């Protein structure tokens, strides 16, 4: 069994707000995601400005599930596509982490250069990492809560996740979260193994 203090220390850099706000965000996510049903497969999550709490909980959870302290890296969609088009100035160390870290967190939003080409790059990356049994989490930060609006920005990515029966989580607002569905699940129990003394 892993030492929870070791995990909390490993992922403390993901805590970017004061503890009170962070605990509130953790609680929201724990209430609206069924961690019992999460699989070691890619996750596409739609949320609103809660990505760091989401990343913290998922890194913590999957480390406990795999019984090892998982390495992780966070990259934005814009940074990823910028690296793709670079030649001599590519950050090879970053790209190695993107391809081989235990968990990859990809942050997207409507401010990103989100287009079909970026979606195609992300789909190839997700598939490559899945083939290596590595975990990939894509978080899309929703600015416009109109559902048809934000889903249209990730149409191809969303279709890829659906066709492969990967997990899609929508916690954009409490009203949506109350009826959110984890792919292939309607069970709403929560059991994220996190408590306040862990951060």
N, C-alpha and C. Protein backbone atom coordinates (compact mmCIF):
# COMPACT_ATOMS: atom_id res chain seq x y z
N UNK A 1 0.84 -1.20 0.00
CA UNK A 1 0.00 0.00 0.00
C UNK A 1 0.88 1.25 0.00
N UNK A 2 0.57 2.17 -0.87
CA UNK A 2 1.38 3.38 -0.98
C UNK A 2 1.13 4.32 0.20
N UNK A 3 2.17 5.04 0.56
CA UNK A 3 2.06 6.05 1.59
C UNK A 3 1.37 7.28 1.01
N UNK A 4 0.23 7.68 1.62
CA UNK A 4 -0.55 8.79 1.07
C UNK A 4 0.19 10.12 1.17
N UNK A 5 1.04 10.25 2.18
CA UNK A 5 1.83 11.49 2.30
C UNK A 5 2.83 11.60 1.15
N UNK A 6 3.36 10.46 0.74
CA UNK A 6 4.28 10.44 -0.40
C UNK A 6 3.57 10.90 -1.66
N UNK A 7 2.35 10.42 -1.84
CA UNK A 7 1.56 10.82 -3.02
C UNK A 7 1.21 12.31 -2.96
N UNK A 8 0.78 12.75 -1.79
CA UNK A 8 0.41 14.16 -1.65
C UNK A 8 1.59 15.07 -1.97
N UNK A 9 2.78 14.67 -1.54
CA UNK A 9 3.98 15.46 -1.82
C UNK A 9 4.33 15.43 -3.31
N UNK A 10 4.15 14.27 -3.94
CA UNK A 10 4.45 14.13 -5.37
C UNK A 10 3.59 15.06 -6.22
N UNK A 11 2.33 15.22 -5.85
CA UNK A 11 1.40 15.97 -6.69
C UNK A 11 1.05 17.36 -6.14
N UNK A 12 1.80 17.83 -5.13
CA UNK A 12 1.47 19.11 -4.52
C UNK A 12 1.63 20.28 -5.49
N UNK A 13 2.45 20.12 -6.53
CA UNK A 13 2.63 21.21 -7.50
C UNK A 13 1.35 21.47 -8.29
N UNK A 14 0.41 20.54 -8.24
CA UNK A 14 -0.87 20.73 -8.94
C UNK A 14 -1.81 21.63 -8.15
N UNK A 15 -1.47 21.92 -6.90
CA UNK A 15 -2.30 22.80 -6.07
C UNK A 15 -1.88 24.24 -6.34
N UNK A 16 -2.70 24.97 -7.07
CA UNK A 16 -2.32 26.33 -7.47
C UNK A 16 -3.18 27.41 -6.83
N UNK A 17 -4.14 27.01 -6.01
CA UNK A 17 -4.99 27.99 -5.34
C UNK A 17 -4.84 27.79 -3.83
N UNK A 18 -5.46 28.69 -3.06
CA UNK A 18 -5.38 28.49 -1.62
C UNK A 18 -6.14 27.22 -1.24
N UNK A 19 -5.78 26.67 -0.09
CA UNK A 19 -6.28 25.36 0.28
C UNK A 19 -7.81 25.33 0.40
N UNK A 20 -8.40 26.39 0.89
CA UNK A 20 -9.85 26.42 1.07
C UNK A 20 -10.55 26.27 -0.28
N UNK A 21 -10.12 27.04 -1.27
CA UNK A 21 -10.72 26.94 -2.61
C UNK A 21 -10.44 25.58 -3.23
N UNK A 22 -9.23 25.09 -3.01
CA UNK A 22 -8.85 23.81 -3.60
C UNK A 22 -9.68 22.67 -3.02
N UNK A 23 -9.91 22.70 -1.70
CA UNK A 23 -10.74 21.68 -1.06
C UNK A 23 -12.16 21.72 -1.60
N UNK A 24 -12.66 22.93 -1.85
CA UNK A 24 -14.01 23.07 -2.42
C UNK A 24 -14.07 22.43 -3.80
N UNK A 25 -13.05 22.67 -4.62
CA UNK A 25 -13.01 22.08 -5.96
C UNK A 25 -12.87 20.56 -5.89
N UNK A 26 -12.03 20.08 -4.97
CA UNK A 26 -11.90 18.63 -4.80
C UNK A 26 -13.24 18.01 -4.42
N UNK A 27 -13.94 18.65 -3.52
CA UNK A 27 -15.24 18.12 -3.07
C UNK A 27 -16.23 18.06 -4.22
N UNK A 28 -16.23 19.11 -5.03
CA UNK A 28 -17.15 19.14 -6.18
C UNK A 28 -16.88 17.96 -7.11
N UNK A 29 -15.60 17.74 -7.40
CA UNK A 29 -15.24 16.66 -8.33
C UNK A 29 -15.57 15.30 -7.73
N UNK A 30 -15.27 15.12 -6.44
CA UNK A 30 -15.56 13.85 -5.78
C UNK A 30 -17.06 13.55 -5.78
N UNK A 31 -17.87 14.60 -5.70
CA UNK A 31 -19.33 14.42 -5.69
C UNK A 31 -19.87 14.06 -7.06
N UNK A 32 -19.13 14.39 -8.12
CA UNK A 32 -19.68 14.27 -9.47
C UNK A 32 -18.94 13.31 -10.39
N UNK A 33 -17.93 12.65 -9.85
CA UNK A 33 -17.24 11.61 -10.62
C UNK A 33 -17.24 10.33 -9.80
N UNK A 34 -17.65 9.26 -10.39
CA UNK A 34 -17.63 7.96 -9.72
C UNK A 34 -16.27 7.31 -9.94
N UNK A 35 -15.38 7.48 -8.99
CA UNK A 35 -14.04 6.94 -9.12
C UNK A 35 -14.02 5.41 -9.13
N UNK A 36 -15.05 4.79 -8.56
CA UNK A 36 -15.13 3.33 -8.58
C UNK A 36 -15.24 2.79 -10.00
N UNK A 37 -15.77 3.60 -10.89
CA UNK A 37 -16.03 3.14 -12.26
C UNK A 37 -14.94 3.56 -13.25
N UNK A 38 -13.95 4.32 -12.80
CA UNK A 38 -12.91 4.77 -13.73
C UNK A 38 -12.03 3.60 -14.15
N UNK A 39 -11.76 3.53 -15.43
CA UNK A 39 -10.89 2.51 -15.99
C UNK A 39 -9.52 3.11 -16.31
N UNK A 40 -8.52 2.25 -16.46
CA UNK A 40 -7.18 2.72 -16.84
C UNK A 40 -7.14 2.97 -18.34
N UNK A 41 -8.04 3.81 -18.79
CA UNK A 41 -8.16 4.14 -20.21
C UNK A 41 -8.26 5.65 -20.34
N UNK A 42 -8.13 6.17 -21.57
CA UNK A 42 -8.19 7.63 -21.75
C UNK A 42 -9.49 8.22 -21.21
N UNK A 43 -9.39 9.45 -20.73
CA UNK A 43 -10.55 10.18 -20.23
C UNK A 43 -10.60 11.54 -20.91
N UNK A 44 -11.78 11.90 -21.39
CA UNK A 44 -12.05 13.25 -21.90
C UNK A 44 -13.03 13.89 -20.93
N UNK A 45 -12.61 14.98 -20.30
CA UNK A 45 -13.43 15.61 -19.27
C UNK A 45 -13.72 17.06 -19.64
N UNK A 46 -15.00 17.42 -19.61
CA UNK A 46 -15.42 18.81 -19.81
C UNK A 46 -15.69 19.41 -18.44
N UNK A 47 -15.00 20.51 -18.13
CA UNK A 47 -15.19 21.15 -16.82
C UNK A 47 -15.03 22.65 -16.97
N UNK A 48 -15.22 23.35 -15.85
CA UNK A 48 -15.06 24.80 -15.85
C UNK A 48 -14.08 25.21 -14.76
N UNK A 49 -12.84 25.46 -15.15
CA UNK A 49 -11.83 26.02 -14.27
C UNK A 49 -11.59 25.17 -13.02
N UNK A 50 -11.62 23.85 -13.19
CA UNK A 50 -11.34 22.95 -12.06
C UNK A 50 -10.27 21.92 -12.43
N UNK A 51 -9.49 22.22 -13.43
CA UNK A 51 -8.59 21.20 -13.98
C UNK A 51 -7.52 20.76 -12.99
N UNK A 52 -6.98 21.67 -12.19
CA UNK A 52 -5.91 21.26 -11.27
C UNK A 52 -6.41 20.31 -10.18
N UNK A 53 -7.59 20.58 -9.67
CA UNK A 53 -8.19 19.66 -8.69
C UNK A 53 -8.48 18.32 -9.35
N UNK A 54 -8.94 18.36 -10.58
CA UNK A 54 -9.20 17.13 -11.33
C UNK A 54 -7.91 16.34 -11.52
N UNK A 55 -6.84 17.01 -11.94
CA UNK A 55 -5.57 16.35 -12.16
C UNK A 55 -5.03 15.74 -10.86
N UNK A 56 -5.14 16.49 -9.79
CA UNK A 56 -4.64 16.02 -8.49
C UNK A 56 -5.35 14.72 -8.09
N UNK A 57 -6.67 14.73 -8.16
CA UNK A 57 -7.44 13.56 -7.77
C UNK A 57 -7.16 12.36 -8.67
N UNK A 58 -7.06 12.59 -9.96
CA UNK A 58 -6.83 11.49 -10.88
C UNK A 58 -5.42 10.90 -10.73
N UNK A 59 -4.42 11.77 -10.55
CA UNK A 59 -3.06 11.28 -10.35
C UNK A 59 -2.99 10.45 -9.07
N UNK A 60 -3.60 10.96 -8.04
CA UNK A 60 -3.65 10.28 -6.74
C UNK A 60 -4.37 8.94 -6.88
N UNK A 61 -5.54 8.97 -7.52
CA UNK A 61 -6.37 7.76 -7.65
C UNK A 61 -5.66 6.67 -8.46
N UNK A 62 -5.13 7.03 -9.62
CA UNK A 62 -4.50 6.01 -10.47
C UNK A 62 -3.20 5.48 -9.85
N UNK A 63 -2.51 6.32 -9.07
CA UNK A 63 -1.33 5.83 -8.36
C UNK A 63 -1.73 4.75 -7.36
N UNK A 64 -2.80 5.01 -6.61
CA UNK A 64 -3.28 4.01 -5.67
C UNK A 64 -3.75 2.75 -6.39
N UNK A 65 -4.41 2.94 -7.51
CA UNK A 65 -4.93 1.80 -8.26
C UNK A 65 -3.81 0.93 -8.82
N UNK A 66 -2.74 1.57 -9.29
CA UNK A 66 -1.63 0.81 -9.87
C UNK A 66 -0.53 0.49 -8.85
N UNK A 67 -0.74 1.00 -7.65
CA UNK A 67 0.19 0.73 -6.54
C UNK A 67 1.61 1.17 -6.85
N UNK A 68 1.73 2.34 -7.43
CA UNK A 68 3.04 2.96 -7.68
C UNK A 68 2.85 4.46 -7.82
N UNK A 69 3.89 5.20 -7.50
CA UNK A 69 3.82 6.65 -7.66
C UNK A 69 4.02 6.97 -9.13
N UNK A 70 2.97 7.40 -9.78
CA UNK A 70 3.01 7.61 -11.22
C UNK A 70 3.64 8.94 -11.59
N UNK A 71 4.46 8.92 -12.62
CA UNK A 71 5.00 10.16 -13.17
C UNK A 71 3.92 10.84 -13.99
N UNK A 72 4.03 12.16 -14.11
CA UNK A 72 3.01 12.87 -14.88
C UNK A 72 3.61 14.10 -15.54
N UNK A 73 2.92 14.58 -16.55
CA UNK A 73 3.27 15.84 -17.18
C UNK A 73 1.98 16.51 -17.63
N UNK A 74 1.98 17.83 -17.60
CA UNK A 74 0.83 18.63 -18.04
C UNK A 74 1.27 19.46 -19.24
N UNK A 75 0.46 19.44 -20.29
CA UNK A 75 0.76 20.25 -21.47
C UNK A 75 -0.55 20.81 -22.03
N UNK A 76 -0.48 21.99 -22.60
CA UNK A 76 -1.66 22.57 -23.23
C UNK A 76 -1.72 22.14 -24.69
N UNK A 77 -2.89 22.22 -25.27
CA UNK A 77 -3.03 21.91 -26.69
C UNK A 77 -2.19 22.82 -27.54
N UNK A 78 -2.13 24.10 -27.15
CA UNK A 78 -1.33 25.07 -27.90
C UNK A 78 0.15 24.72 -27.86
N UNK A 79 0.66 24.35 -26.69
CA UNK A 79 2.07 23.98 -26.56
C UNK A 79 2.39 22.74 -27.38
N UNK A 80 1.44 21.80 -27.38
CA UNK A 80 1.67 20.55 -28.10
C UNK A 80 1.76 20.79 -29.61
N UNK A 81 0.85 21.59 -30.14
CA UNK A 81 0.88 21.82 -31.58
C UNK A 81 2.08 22.71 -31.96
N UNK A 82 2.47 23.62 -31.05
CA UNK A 82 3.67 24.43 -31.29
C UNK A 82 4.91 23.54 -31.40
N UNK A 83 5.03 22.58 -30.48
CA UNK A 83 6.16 21.65 -30.52
C UNK A 83 6.16 20.82 -31.80
N UNK A 84 4.98 20.47 -32.26
CA UNK A 84 4.86 19.64 -33.46
C UNK A 84 5.46 20.35 -34.68
N UNK A 85 5.27 21.66 -34.76
CA UNK A 85 5.72 22.40 -35.93
C UNK A 85 7.14 22.94 -35.80
N UNK A 86 7.73 22.77 -34.63
CA UNK A 86 9.12 23.21 -34.47
C UNK A 86 10.07 22.22 -35.11
N UNK A 87 11.22 22.70 -35.52
CA UNK A 87 12.24 21.83 -36.09
C UNK A 87 13.42 21.70 -35.12
N UNK A 88 14.39 22.58 -35.22
CA UNK A 88 15.58 22.48 -34.40
C UNK A 88 15.33 22.84 -32.93
N UNK A 89 14.31 23.63 -32.66
CA UNK A 89 14.09 24.11 -31.30
C UNK A 89 13.08 23.27 -30.51
N UNK A 90 12.79 22.08 -30.96
CA UNK A 90 11.86 21.22 -30.23
C UNK A 90 12.41 20.91 -28.84
N UNK A 91 11.50 20.85 -27.88
CA UNK A 91 11.86 20.48 -26.51
C UNK A 91 11.77 18.95 -26.41
N UNK A 92 12.86 18.28 -26.69
CA UNK A 92 12.85 16.82 -26.74
C UNK A 92 12.58 16.18 -25.38
N UNK A 93 13.01 16.85 -24.33
CA UNK A 93 12.74 16.33 -22.99
C UNK A 93 11.24 16.36 -22.70
N UNK A 94 10.60 17.46 -23.06
CA UNK A 94 9.15 17.58 -22.87
C UNK A 94 8.42 16.54 -23.71
N UNK A 95 8.82 16.39 -24.96
CA UNK A 95 8.15 15.44 -25.85
C UNK A 95 8.31 14.01 -25.36
N UNK A 96 9.47 13.71 -24.77
CA UNK A 96 9.67 12.37 -24.20
C UNK A 96 8.70 12.13 -23.05
N UNK A 97 8.50 13.15 -22.22
CA UNK A 97 7.55 13.04 -21.11
C UNK A 97 6.12 12.89 -21.63
N UNK A 98 5.81 13.63 -22.69
CA UNK A 98 4.47 13.55 -23.29
C UNK A 98 4.20 12.13 -23.79
N UNK A 99 5.20 11.52 -24.36
CA UNK A 99 5.02 10.19 -24.95
C UNK A 99 5.14 9.04 -23.94
N UNK A 100 5.88 9.27 -22.84
CA UNK A 100 6.20 8.12 -21.99
C UNK A 100 5.88 8.29 -20.49
N UNK A 101 5.42 9.45 -20.05
CA UNK A 101 5.06 9.57 -18.64
C UNK A 101 3.87 8.66 -18.34
N UNK A 102 3.76 8.25 -17.09
CA UNK A 102 2.66 7.35 -16.71
C UNK A 102 1.30 8.00 -16.95
N UNK A 103 1.20 9.28 -16.63
CA UNK A 103 -0.04 10.02 -16.87
C UNK A 103 0.29 11.29 -17.65
N UNK A 104 -0.48 11.52 -18.68
CA UNK A 104 -0.37 12.78 -19.44
C UNK A 104 -1.67 13.53 -19.29
N UNK A 105 -1.57 14.77 -18.81
CA UNK A 105 -2.72 15.66 -18.72
C UNK A 105 -2.62 16.68 -19.85
N UNK A 106 -3.64 16.73 -20.69
CA UNK A 106 -3.67 17.67 -21.80
C UNK A 106 -4.77 18.69 -21.53
N UNK A 107 -4.38 19.95 -21.44
CA UNK A 107 -5.33 21.01 -21.13
C UNK A 107 -5.76 21.74 -22.40
N UNK A 108 -7.05 21.74 -22.65
CA UNK A 108 -7.62 22.45 -23.80
C UNK A 108 -8.64 23.47 -23.32
N UNK A 109 -8.87 24.48 -24.13
CA UNK A 109 -9.96 25.42 -23.87
C UNK A 109 -10.32 26.10 -25.18
N UNK A 110 -11.35 26.90 -25.13
CA UNK A 110 -11.77 27.62 -26.33
C UNK A 110 -10.73 28.64 -26.76
N UNK A 111 -9.80 28.99 -25.87
CA UNK A 111 -8.73 29.91 -26.23
C UNK A 111 -7.61 29.21 -27.00
N UNK A 112 -7.58 27.87 -26.90
CA UNK A 112 -6.56 27.12 -27.61
C UNK A 112 -6.78 27.19 -29.11
N UNK A 113 -5.72 26.89 -29.83
CA UNK A 113 -5.83 26.79 -31.28
C UNK A 113 -6.45 25.42 -31.59
N UNK A 114 -7.73 25.29 -31.28
CA UNK A 114 -8.42 24.01 -31.41
C UNK A 114 -8.98 23.87 -32.82
N UNK A 115 -8.48 22.91 -33.56
CA UNK A 115 -8.97 22.67 -34.91
C UNK A 115 -8.85 21.19 -35.24
N UNK A 116 -9.22 20.82 -36.43
CA UNK A 116 -9.21 19.41 -36.79
C UNK A 116 -7.80 18.84 -36.82
N UNK A 117 -6.82 19.65 -37.16
CA UNK A 117 -5.46 19.15 -37.21
C UNK A 117 -4.96 18.82 -35.80
N UNK A 118 -5.21 19.73 -34.85
CA UNK A 118 -4.83 19.46 -33.47
C UNK A 118 -5.57 18.24 -32.95
N UNK A 119 -6.84 18.13 -33.27
CA UNK A 119 -7.60 16.95 -32.84
C UNK A 119 -6.98 15.67 -33.39
N UNK A 120 -6.56 15.70 -34.64
CA UNK A 120 -5.93 14.51 -35.25
C UNK A 120 -4.62 14.17 -34.53
N UNK A 121 -3.83 15.18 -34.19
CA UNK A 121 -2.58 14.95 -33.45
C UNK A 121 -2.87 14.34 -32.09
N UNK A 122 -3.89 14.86 -31.42
CA UNK A 122 -4.23 14.36 -30.09
C UNK A 122 -4.75 12.93 -30.16
N UNK A 123 -5.54 12.64 -31.16
CA UNK A 123 -6.07 11.28 -31.32
C UNK A 123 -4.92 10.29 -31.53
N UNK A 124 -3.95 10.65 -32.37
CA UNK A 124 -2.80 9.78 -32.59
C UNK A 124 -1.99 9.59 -31.31
N UNK A 125 -1.85 10.68 -30.54
CA UNK A 125 -1.11 10.61 -29.29
C UNK A 125 -1.83 9.72 -28.27
N UNK A 126 -3.13 9.92 -28.14
CA UNK A 126 -3.91 9.10 -27.21
C UNK A 126 -3.80 7.62 -27.57
N UNK A 127 -3.91 7.32 -28.86
CA UNK A 127 -3.84 5.92 -29.28
C UNK A 127 -2.46 5.32 -29.02
N UNK A 128 -1.42 6.09 -29.30
CA UNK A 128 -0.06 5.61 -29.08
C UNK A 128 0.18 5.32 -27.60
N UNK A 129 -0.27 6.22 -26.74
CA UNK A 129 -0.08 6.02 -25.30
C UNK A 129 -0.94 4.88 -24.77
N UNK A 130 -2.13 4.73 -25.31
CA UNK A 130 -3.00 3.63 -24.89
C UNK A 130 -2.38 2.29 -25.23
N UNK A 131 -1.75 2.22 -26.39
CA UNK A 131 -1.06 0.99 -26.80
C UNK A 131 0.08 0.64 -25.84
N UNK A 132 0.63 1.66 -25.16
CA UNK A 132 1.72 1.43 -24.19
C UNK A 132 1.18 1.25 -22.77
N UNK A 133 -0.13 1.21 -22.63
CA UNK A 133 -0.77 1.08 -21.31
C UNK A 133 -0.49 2.29 -20.42
N UNK A 134 -0.41 3.47 -21.05
CA UNK A 134 -0.22 4.72 -20.33
C UNK A 134 -1.55 5.47 -20.28
N UNK A 135 -1.73 6.26 -19.25
CA UNK A 135 -3.01 6.95 -19.02
C UNK A 135 -2.96 8.35 -19.60
N UNK A 136 -3.99 8.72 -20.35
CA UNK A 136 -4.08 10.06 -20.93
C UNK A 136 -5.39 10.71 -20.52
N UNK A 137 -5.29 11.90 -19.96
CA UNK A 137 -6.46 12.66 -19.52
C UNK A 137 -6.50 13.96 -20.32
N UNK A 138 -7.59 14.19 -21.04
CA UNK A 138 -7.78 15.45 -21.74
C UNK A 138 -8.86 16.24 -21.02
N UNK A 139 -8.50 17.43 -20.57
CA UNK A 139 -9.46 18.29 -19.89
C UNK A 139 -9.77 19.49 -20.78
N UNK A 140 -11.06 19.65 -21.08
CA UNK A 140 -11.48 20.79 -21.90
C UNK A 140 -12.17 21.80 -21.00
N UNK A 141 -11.55 22.97 -20.87
CA UNK A 141 -12.08 24.03 -20.00
C UNK A 141 -13.14 24.83 -20.76
N UNK A 142 -14.38 24.68 -20.32
CA UNK A 142 -15.50 25.29 -21.04
C UNK A 142 -15.70 26.73 -20.60
N UNK A 143 -15.73 27.64 -21.55
CA UNK A 143 -15.98 29.06 -21.28
C UNK A 143 -17.42 29.43 -21.58
N UNK A 144 -17.96 28.83 -22.63
CA UNK A 144 -19.37 29.03 -22.98
C UNK A 144 -20.11 27.75 -22.63
N UNK A 145 -21.01 27.82 -21.63
CA UNK A 145 -21.63 26.61 -21.10
C UNK A 145 -22.74 26.05 -21.99
N UNK A 146 -22.99 26.67 -23.14
CA UNK A 146 -23.93 26.07 -24.07
C UNK A 146 -23.39 24.76 -24.59
N UNK A 147 -24.08 23.67 -24.31
CA UNK A 147 -23.50 22.35 -24.56
C UNK A 147 -23.16 22.13 -26.03
N UNK A 148 -24.06 22.55 -26.93
CA UNK A 148 -23.80 22.34 -28.35
C UNK A 148 -22.57 23.11 -28.80
N UNK A 149 -22.31 24.23 -28.11
CA UNK A 149 -21.15 25.06 -28.47
C UNK A 149 -19.85 24.36 -28.14
N UNK A 150 -19.67 23.93 -26.90
CA UNK A 150 -18.37 23.37 -26.54
C UNK A 150 -18.15 21.98 -27.10
N UNK A 151 -19.20 21.23 -27.34
CA UNK A 151 -19.02 19.92 -27.97
C UNK A 151 -18.61 20.05 -29.43
N UNK A 152 -19.07 21.13 -30.06
CA UNK A 152 -18.73 21.31 -31.48
C UNK A 152 -17.25 21.58 -31.68
N UNK A 153 -16.59 22.16 -30.66
CA UNK A 153 -15.16 22.45 -30.78
C UNK A 153 -14.30 21.19 -30.71
N UNK A 154 -14.86 20.12 -30.16
CA UNK A 154 -14.10 18.87 -30.03
C UNK A 154 -14.85 17.72 -30.69
N UNK A 155 -15.51 18.01 -31.77
CA UNK A 155 -16.38 17.02 -32.41
C UNK A 155 -15.64 15.74 -32.78
N UNK A 156 -14.49 15.86 -33.43
CA UNK A 156 -13.75 14.67 -33.85
C UNK A 156 -13.15 13.91 -32.66
N UNK A 157 -12.65 14.67 -31.70
CA UNK A 157 -12.08 14.06 -30.50
C UNK A 157 -13.16 13.31 -29.73
N UNK A 158 -14.31 13.95 -29.60
CA UNK A 158 -15.43 13.33 -28.89
C UNK A 158 -15.88 12.05 -29.61
N UNK A 159 -15.96 12.12 -30.92
CA UNK A 159 -16.38 10.95 -31.71
C UNK A 159 -15.39 9.80 -31.55
N UNK A 160 -14.10 10.13 -31.49
CA UNK A 160 -13.06 9.11 -31.30
C UNK A 160 -13.24 8.41 -29.95
N UNK A 161 -13.49 9.19 -28.91
CA UNK A 161 -13.69 8.60 -27.59
C UNK A 161 -14.94 7.73 -27.55
N UNK A 162 -16.00 8.20 -28.17
CA UNK A 162 -17.24 7.42 -28.20
C UNK A 162 -17.05 6.11 -28.94
N UNK A 163 -16.43 6.18 -30.12
CA UNK A 163 -16.28 4.98 -30.95
C UNK A 163 -15.37 3.93 -30.29
N UNK A 164 -14.43 4.39 -29.46
CA UNK A 164 -13.53 3.46 -28.78
C UNK A 164 -14.00 3.09 -27.37
N UNK A 165 -15.17 3.61 -27.01
CA UNK A 165 -15.75 3.35 -25.69
C UNK A 165 -14.83 3.80 -24.57
N UNK A 166 -14.13 4.91 -24.83
CA UNK A 166 -13.33 5.53 -23.79
C UNK A 166 -14.24 6.40 -22.93
N UNK A 167 -13.73 6.85 -21.81
CA UNK A 167 -14.55 7.56 -20.83
C UNK A 167 -14.70 9.04 -21.16
N UNK A 168 -15.94 9.51 -21.11
CA UNK A 168 -16.23 10.93 -21.30
C UNK A 168 -17.00 11.40 -20.07
N UNK A 169 -16.50 12.46 -19.45
CA UNK A 169 -17.13 12.98 -18.24
C UNK A 169 -17.47 14.45 -18.47
N UNK A 170 -18.68 14.84 -18.08
CA UNK A 170 -19.12 16.22 -18.24
C UNK A 170 -19.50 16.78 -16.87
N UNK A 171 -18.67 17.66 -16.33
CA UNK A 171 -18.98 18.31 -15.05
C UNK A 171 -18.97 19.83 -15.21
N UNK A 172 -19.55 20.28 -16.28
CA UNK A 172 -19.51 21.71 -16.60
C UNK A 172 -20.24 22.55 -15.56
N UNK A 173 -21.35 22.08 -15.06
CA UNK A 173 -22.08 22.82 -14.03
C UNK A 173 -22.79 21.82 -13.14
N UNK A 174 -23.24 22.26 -11.99
CA UNK A 174 -23.91 21.34 -11.08
C UNK A 174 -25.17 20.77 -11.70
N UNK A 175 -25.87 21.57 -12.47
CA UNK A 175 -27.09 21.08 -13.08
C UNK A 175 -26.80 19.98 -14.08
N UNK A 176 -25.70 20.15 -14.85
CA UNK A 176 -25.30 19.09 -15.77
C UNK A 176 -24.69 17.93 -15.00
N UNK A 177 -23.93 18.25 -13.96
CA UNK A 177 -23.23 17.20 -13.23
C UNK A 177 -24.20 16.24 -12.55
N UNK A 178 -25.34 16.75 -12.14
CA UNK A 178 -26.31 15.89 -11.47
C UNK A 178 -26.80 14.78 -12.38
N UNK A 179 -26.77 15.04 -13.67
CA UNK A 179 -27.22 14.02 -14.61
C UNK A 179 -26.09 13.52 -15.49
N UNK A 180 -24.84 13.84 -15.08
CA UNK A 180 -23.70 13.44 -15.90
C UNK A 180 -23.61 11.92 -15.98
N UNK A 181 -23.07 11.45 -17.07
CA UNK A 181 -22.89 10.00 -17.19
C UNK A 181 -21.46 9.68 -17.54
N UNK A 182 -20.88 8.79 -16.77
CA UNK A 182 -19.59 8.23 -17.12
C UNK A 182 -19.89 7.17 -18.15
N UNK A 183 -19.13 7.10 -19.23
CA UNK A 183 -19.42 6.17 -20.30
C UNK A 183 -19.71 4.79 -19.75
N UNK A 184 -20.83 4.21 -20.16
CA UNK A 184 -21.25 2.86 -19.81
C UNK A 184 -21.58 2.70 -18.33
N UNK A 185 -21.93 3.83 -17.66
CA UNK A 185 -22.24 3.73 -16.23
C UNK A 185 -23.26 4.77 -15.82
N UNK A 186 -24.19 4.38 -14.93
CA UNK A 186 -25.12 5.34 -14.36
C UNK A 186 -25.06 5.30 -12.83
N UNK A 187 -24.15 4.51 -12.29
CA UNK A 187 -23.97 4.41 -10.85
C UNK A 187 -23.34 5.68 -10.33
N UNK A 188 -23.89 6.27 -9.24
CA UNK A 188 -23.40 7.56 -8.76
C UNK A 188 -22.68 7.50 -7.43
N UNK A 189 -22.22 6.33 -6.99
CA UNK A 189 -21.45 6.27 -5.75
C UNK A 189 -20.11 6.98 -5.94
N UNK A 190 -19.62 7.56 -4.86
CA UNK A 190 -18.31 8.20 -4.91
C UNK A 190 -17.40 7.54 -3.89
N UNK A 191 -16.14 7.36 -4.26
CA UNK A 191 -15.20 6.87 -3.26
C UNK A 191 -13.78 7.27 -3.59
N UNK A 192 -13.58 8.52 -3.97
CA UNK A 192 -12.20 8.99 -4.22
C UNK A 192 -11.44 8.91 -2.92
N UNK A 193 -10.30 8.20 -2.90
CA UNK A 193 -9.60 7.93 -1.66
C UNK A 193 -8.73 9.10 -1.21
N UNK A 194 -9.36 10.27 -1.08
CA UNK A 194 -8.62 11.49 -0.72
C UNK A 194 -9.29 12.10 0.49
N UNK A 195 -8.53 12.65 1.41
CA UNK A 195 -9.12 13.42 2.48
C UNK A 195 -8.28 14.66 2.73
N UNK A 196 -8.77 15.56 3.54
CA UNK A 196 -8.17 16.88 3.67
C UNK A 196 -6.72 16.85 4.16
N UNK A 197 -6.37 15.88 4.97
CA UNK A 197 -5.01 15.87 5.51
C UNK A 197 -3.97 15.47 4.49
N UNK A 198 -4.41 15.12 3.27
CA UNK A 198 -3.46 14.67 2.23
C UNK A 198 -2.85 15.80 1.44
N UNK A 199 -3.19 17.05 1.73
CA UNK A 199 -2.56 18.17 1.02
C UNK A 199 -2.47 19.38 1.91
